[in-house]
Amino acid sequence: MRVAIHQPQYLPWLGYLDKLDSADVFIVLDTVQFKKHEWQNRNRIRTKAGWQWLTVPIIDRFPERIDRVEINASVDWSRKHRQALRLHYGRAPHWEPLGPALLALLERPWTRLCDLNVAALDLLCDHCGLSTRRLLASGLTAREDPTDRLIDLCRAVGGTAYLAGESGPDYMDLGRFAQAGIAVSVQDYRHPAYPQQHTPFVSHLSVVDLLFNCGPESLAILRSGRHWSPLVASRRAGETQK
């Protein structure tokens, strides 16, 4: 049983979806501290001039757990995001049917960031054709230590293999995973190029860019960047995986 665990992201990039697709169970890690200036409340879309951020404003109560972070309703972010998506993708080859569905989702009155991210992830998975079982970490029991937390979450769903992100080895104690009988592999996603409305190609955007441009071909393109490397228990946190 392969398990992947990751913080919820806003309209995530291709590698996030491929990590989910590589697993039998994907756990949304909503019980850790929200990080500013990362991907939990923002992502990038393609524009004629290059790219731009779509950022969901939050009420800053740092430090705060991800599942408790509230969206700042005093900012008209939803209208701006919907306007940007229509402007930059409304004439994309595969605007339908994802575009109207995403606009309708963003128009709903969201209070918590995590709820928005999970709903958007569900929508994206549906349109990508991804059926991996998805759970919230807040619905499971786990310890606070970074390595113990991951081991406990894997055990909670019967996991025998953990699929780590690229930075996972920086904080994981692989020896403890070995003692728990859980194999570890690290993601080395190799971003594919695909047709975009504008040139030159810009990578590492939200997966909506791929879906709007490539439609039914998106899943095959997304999977073409897949690469995982097994890690061994002799390696320790802080060592660099090459």
Protein backbone atom coordinates (compact mmCIF):
# COMPACT_ATOMS: atom_id res chain seq x y z
CA MET A 1 0.00 0.00 0.00
CA ARG A 2 1.65 3.20 -1.21
CA VAL A 3 0.92 6.36 0.76
CA ALA A 4 1.64 9.97 -0.17
CA ILE A 5 1.19 12.83 2.30
CA HIS A 6 1.24 16.52 1.44
CA GLN A 7 -0.05 19.86 2.68
CA PRO A 8 -3.10 21.16 0.79
CA GLN A 9 -2.17 23.53 -2.02
CA TYR A 10 -4.19 26.02 -4.01
CA LEU A 11 -4.69 24.83 -7.59
CA PRO A 12 -1.48 22.76 -7.36
CA TRP A 13 1.14 22.05 -10.01
CA LEU A 14 1.64 18.90 -12.07
CA GLY A 15 4.06 17.25 -9.65
CA TYR A 16 1.54 17.45 -6.81
CA LEU A 17 -1.08 15.65 -8.89
CA ASP A 18 1.44 13.07 -10.06
CA LYS A 19 2.43 12.37 -6.46
CA LEU A 20 -1.24 11.80 -5.67
CA ASP A 21 -1.67 9.61 -8.75
CA SER A 22 1.36 7.50 -7.78
CA ALA A 23 -0.20 6.56 -4.43
CA ASP A 24 -2.94 4.19 -3.35
CA VAL A 25 -3.87 6.61 -0.56
CA PHE A 26 -3.19 10.35 -0.51
CA ILE A 27 -3.38 12.10 2.86
CA VAL A 28 -3.94 15.85 2.90
CA LEU A 29 -1.66 17.08 5.69
CA ASP A 30 -3.88 19.76 7.20
CA THR A 31 -2.56 19.42 10.79
CA VAL A 32 0.79 21.19 10.40
CA GLN A 33 1.63 24.87 10.56
CA PHE A 34 0.63 27.10 7.68
CA LYS A 35 3.65 28.46 5.82
CA LYS A 36 3.68 31.94 4.39
CA HIS A 37 4.91 32.69 0.87
CA GLU A 38 4.58 29.09 -0.31
CA TRP A 39 1.90 27.26 -2.28
CA GLN A 40 -0.85 26.70 0.27
CA ASN A 41 -2.74 29.84 -0.69
CA ARG A 42 -1.38 30.74 -4.11
CA ASN A 43 -0.26 29.45 -7.49
CA ARG A 44 0.66 30.67 -10.94
CA ILE A 45 -1.22 30.74 -14.25
CA ARG A 46 -0.04 31.52 -17.79
CA THR A 47 -0.65 34.91 -19.34
CA LYS A 48 0.29 36.46 -22.67
CA ALA A 49 3.07 38.35 -20.91
CA GLY A 50 4.38 35.31 -18.98
CA TRP A 51 2.66 34.31 -15.76
CA GLN A 52 0.87 35.79 -12.77
CA TRP A 53 0.03 34.81 -9.20
CA LEU A 54 -3.42 33.88 -8.04
CA THR A 55 -3.30 34.41 -4.26
CA VAL A 56 -6.04 33.68 -1.74
CA PRO A 57 -5.73 36.27 1.06
CA ILE A 58 -5.79 34.92 4.59
CA ILE A 59 -6.35 36.30 8.08
CA ASP A 60 -2.84 36.24 9.49
CA ARG A 61 -2.77 34.55 12.89
CA PHE A 62 0.68 33.06 12.48
CA PRO A 63 1.54 30.46 13.66
CA GLU A 64 -1.66 28.57 12.92
CA ARG A 65 -2.56 25.07 11.78
CA ILE A 66 -3.52 24.79 8.13
CA ASP A 67 -7.01 23.47 8.89
CA ARG A 68 -7.74 26.57 10.99
CA VAL A 69 -6.56 29.24 8.55
CA GLU A 70 -9.39 31.54 7.50
CA ILE A 71 -9.74 33.38 4.21
CA ASN A 72 -9.84 37.17 4.41
CA ALA A 73 -13.35 37.89 3.15
CA SER A 74 -12.71 41.65 3.09
CA VAL A 75 -10.62 41.18 -0.07
CA ASP A 76 -12.43 40.55 -3.37
CA TRP A 77 -10.06 37.75 -4.36
CA SER A 78 -12.67 35.39 -5.86
CA ARG A 79 -13.84 37.87 -8.47
CA LYS A 80 -10.24 38.64 -9.43
CA HIS A 81 -9.34 34.96 -9.77
CA ARG A 82 -12.42 34.21 -11.85
CA GLN A 83 -11.76 37.25 -14.03
CA ALA A 84 -8.13 36.19 -14.56
CA LEU A 85 -9.09 32.63 -15.45
CA ARG A 86 -11.67 33.81 -17.99
CA LEU A 87 -9.28 36.36 -19.49
CA HIS A 88 -6.30 34.04 -19.89
CA TYR A 89 -8.01 30.71 -20.56
CA GLY A 90 -11.49 31.52 -21.83
CA ARG A 91 -10.34 30.85 -25.41
CA ALA A 92 -8.11 27.90 -24.55
CA PRO A 93 -8.81 24.71 -26.55
CA HIS A 94 -10.30 22.92 -23.54
CA TRP A 95 -11.88 25.67 -21.45
CA GLU A 96 -15.02 23.55 -21.32
CA PRO A 97 -16.05 21.82 -19.09
CA LEU A 98 -13.47 22.59 -16.37
CA GLY A 99 -13.59 26.37 -16.71
CA PRO A 100 -17.26 26.91 -15.76
CA ALA A 101 -17.01 24.29 -13.00
CA LEU A 102 -13.95 25.98 -11.49
CA LEU A 103 -15.55 29.43 -11.69
CA ALA A 104 -18.64 28.11 -9.91
CA LEU A 105 -16.47 26.56 -7.19
CA LEU A 106 -14.55 29.80 -6.63
CA GLU A 107 -17.78 31.77 -6.41
CA ARG A 108 -18.95 29.81 -3.37
CA PRO A 109 -18.62 31.59 0.02
CA TRP A 110 -15.49 29.94 1.43
CA THR A 111 -14.43 30.55 5.04
CA ARG A 112 -11.44 28.23 5.55
CA LEU A 113 -8.54 27.93 3.13
CA CYS A 114 -8.24 24.17 3.58
CA ASP A 115 -11.86 23.58 2.61
CA LEU A 116 -11.34 25.56 -0.59
CA ASN A 117 -8.13 23.70 -1.43
CA VAL A 118 -9.65 20.27 -0.83
CA ALA A 119 -12.72 21.07 -2.93
CA ALA A 120 -10.54 22.39 -5.74
CA LEU A 121 -8.34 19.28 -5.53
CA ASP A 122 -11.43 17.07 -5.81
CA LEU A 123 -12.53 18.98 -8.90
CA LEU A 124 -9.10 18.75 -10.52
CA CYS A 125 -8.84 15.03 -9.78
CA ASP A 126 -12.22 14.46 -11.38
CA HIS A 127 -11.18 16.30 -14.53
CA CYS A 128 -7.79 14.55 -14.66
CA GLY A 129 -9.40 11.15 -14.13
CA LEU A 130 -7.58 10.47 -10.85
CA SER A 131 -9.29 8.07 -8.44
CA THR A 132 -6.71 7.77 -5.64
CA ARG A 133 -8.37 7.54 -2.22
CA ARG A 134 -7.99 10.86 -0.40
CA LEU A 135 -8.16 11.49 3.36
CA LEU A 136 -7.53 14.38 5.76
CA ALA A 137 -4.78 14.00 8.37
CA SER A 138 -7.07 15.78 10.85
CA GLY A 139 -9.31 12.72 10.73
CA LEU A 140 -6.47 10.41 11.79
CA THR A 141 -4.29 10.07 14.90
CA ALA A 142 -0.59 10.88 14.68
CA ARG A 143 2.26 12.17 16.83
CA GLU A 144 3.82 15.62 16.37
CA ASP A 145 7.42 14.70 15.52
CA PRO A 146 7.84 15.03 11.71
CA THR A 147 9.02 11.46 11.17
CA ASP A 148 6.65 9.93 13.75
CA ARG A 149 3.74 11.83 12.19
CA LEU A 150 4.41 10.37 8.76
CA ILE A 151 4.90 6.85 10.11
CA ASP A 152 1.70 7.06 12.15
CA LEU A 153 -0.32 8.32 9.18
CA CYS A 154 1.06 5.54 6.97
CA ARG A 155 0.20 2.95 9.60
CA ALA A 156 -3.30 4.37 10.05
CA VAL A 157 -4.16 3.44 6.46
CA GLY A 158 -2.13 0.23 6.25
CA GLY A 159 0.73 1.77 4.31
CA THR A 160 3.84 -0.26 3.52
CA ALA A 161 5.52 2.33 1.29
CA TYR A 162 5.80 6.09 1.68
CA LEU A 163 6.17 8.39 -1.33
CA ALA A 164 8.13 11.43 -0.18
CA GLY A 165 8.49 14.80 -1.84
CA GLU A 166 11.81 16.05 -3.11
CA SER A 167 12.65 17.75 0.20
CA GLY A 168 11.47 14.83 2.34
CA PRO A 169 14.95 13.46 3.10
CA ASP A 170 15.87 16.82 4.69
CA TYR A 171 13.76 16.11 7.78
CA MET A 172 13.00 12.38 7.74
CA ASP A 173 14.79 9.72 9.80
CA LEU A 174 14.87 6.86 7.30
CA GLY A 175 16.10 4.40 9.91
CA ARG A 176 12.83 4.77 11.80
CA PHE A 177 10.87 4.13 8.63
CA ALA A 178 12.87 0.93 8.14
CA GLN A 179 12.16 -0.12 11.72
CA ALA A 180 8.46 0.45 11.05
CA GLY A 181 8.62 -1.71 7.93
CA ILE A 182 7.82 1.17 5.59
CA ALA A 183 9.83 1.58 2.40
CA VAL A 184 10.54 5.12 1.21
CA SER A 185 10.88 6.57 -2.29
CA VAL A 186 11.50 10.21 -3.16
CA GLN A 187 9.90 12.07 -6.03
CA ASP A 188 12.05 13.52 -8.80
CA TYR A 189 9.37 14.91 -11.06
CA ARG A 190 10.66 15.94 -14.48
CA HIS A 191 8.31 18.59 -15.75
CA PRO A 192 7.08 17.83 -19.28
CA ALA A 193 6.58 20.45 -21.96
CA TYR A 194 3.15 20.66 -23.59
CA PRO A 195 1.32 23.01 -25.99
CA GLN A 196 0.44 26.37 -24.45
CA GLN A 197 -1.47 29.27 -25.97
CA HIS A 198 1.62 31.47 -25.84
CA THR A 199 5.34 30.97 -26.34
CA PRO A 200 7.90 30.35 -24.99
CA PHE A 201 6.79 27.46 -22.78
CA VAL A 202 6.51 28.25 -19.06
CA SER A 203 6.72 25.32 -16.64
CA HIS A 204 5.69 24.81 -12.99
CA LEU A 205 2.30 26.45 -13.30
CA SER A 206 -0.98 25.33 -11.80
CA VAL A 207 -2.24 22.12 -13.38
CA VAL A 208 -5.21 24.10 -14.72
CA ASP A 209 -2.86 25.38 -17.43
CA LEU A 210 -2.27 21.82 -18.63
CA LEU A 211 -5.96 20.91 -18.43
CA PHE A 212 -7.17 23.98 -20.31
CA ASN A 213 -4.59 23.48 -23.06
CA CYS A 214 -4.53 19.71 -23.45
CA GLY A 215 -7.85 18.37 -22.20
CA PRO A 216 -8.10 14.55 -22.52
CA GLU A 217 -4.37 14.24 -23.16
CA SER A 218 -3.50 15.91 -19.85
CA LEU A 219 -3.22 12.77 -17.72
CA ALA A 220 -0.76 11.08 -20.07
CA ILE A 221 1.31 14.26 -20.23
CA LEU A 222 1.25 14.64 -16.45
CA ARG A 223 2.38 11.04 -15.95
CA SER A 224 5.21 11.40 -18.48
CA GLY A 225 7.23 13.39 -15.93
CA ARG A 226 7.06 10.66 -13.28
CA HIS A 227 10.26 9.47 -11.65
CA TRP A 228 10.76 7.97 -8.18
CA SER A 229 14.02 6.96 -6.48
CA PRO A 230 14.10 4.45 -3.60
CA LEU A 231 15.92 5.60 -0.46
CA VAL A 232 17.87 3.39 1.91
CA ALA A 233 17.77 3.40 5.70
CA SER A 234 21.46 4.30 6.04
CA ARG A 235 20.69 7.83 4.93
CA ARG A 236 19.68 10.36 7.54
CA ALA A 237 17.89 13.66 7.68
CA GLY A 238 19.92 16.53 6.25
CA GLU A 239 21.74 14.50 3.59
CA THR A 240 21.06 15.47 -0.01
CA GLN A 241 19.56 12.99 -2.45
CA LYS A 242 21.24 13.16 -5.84
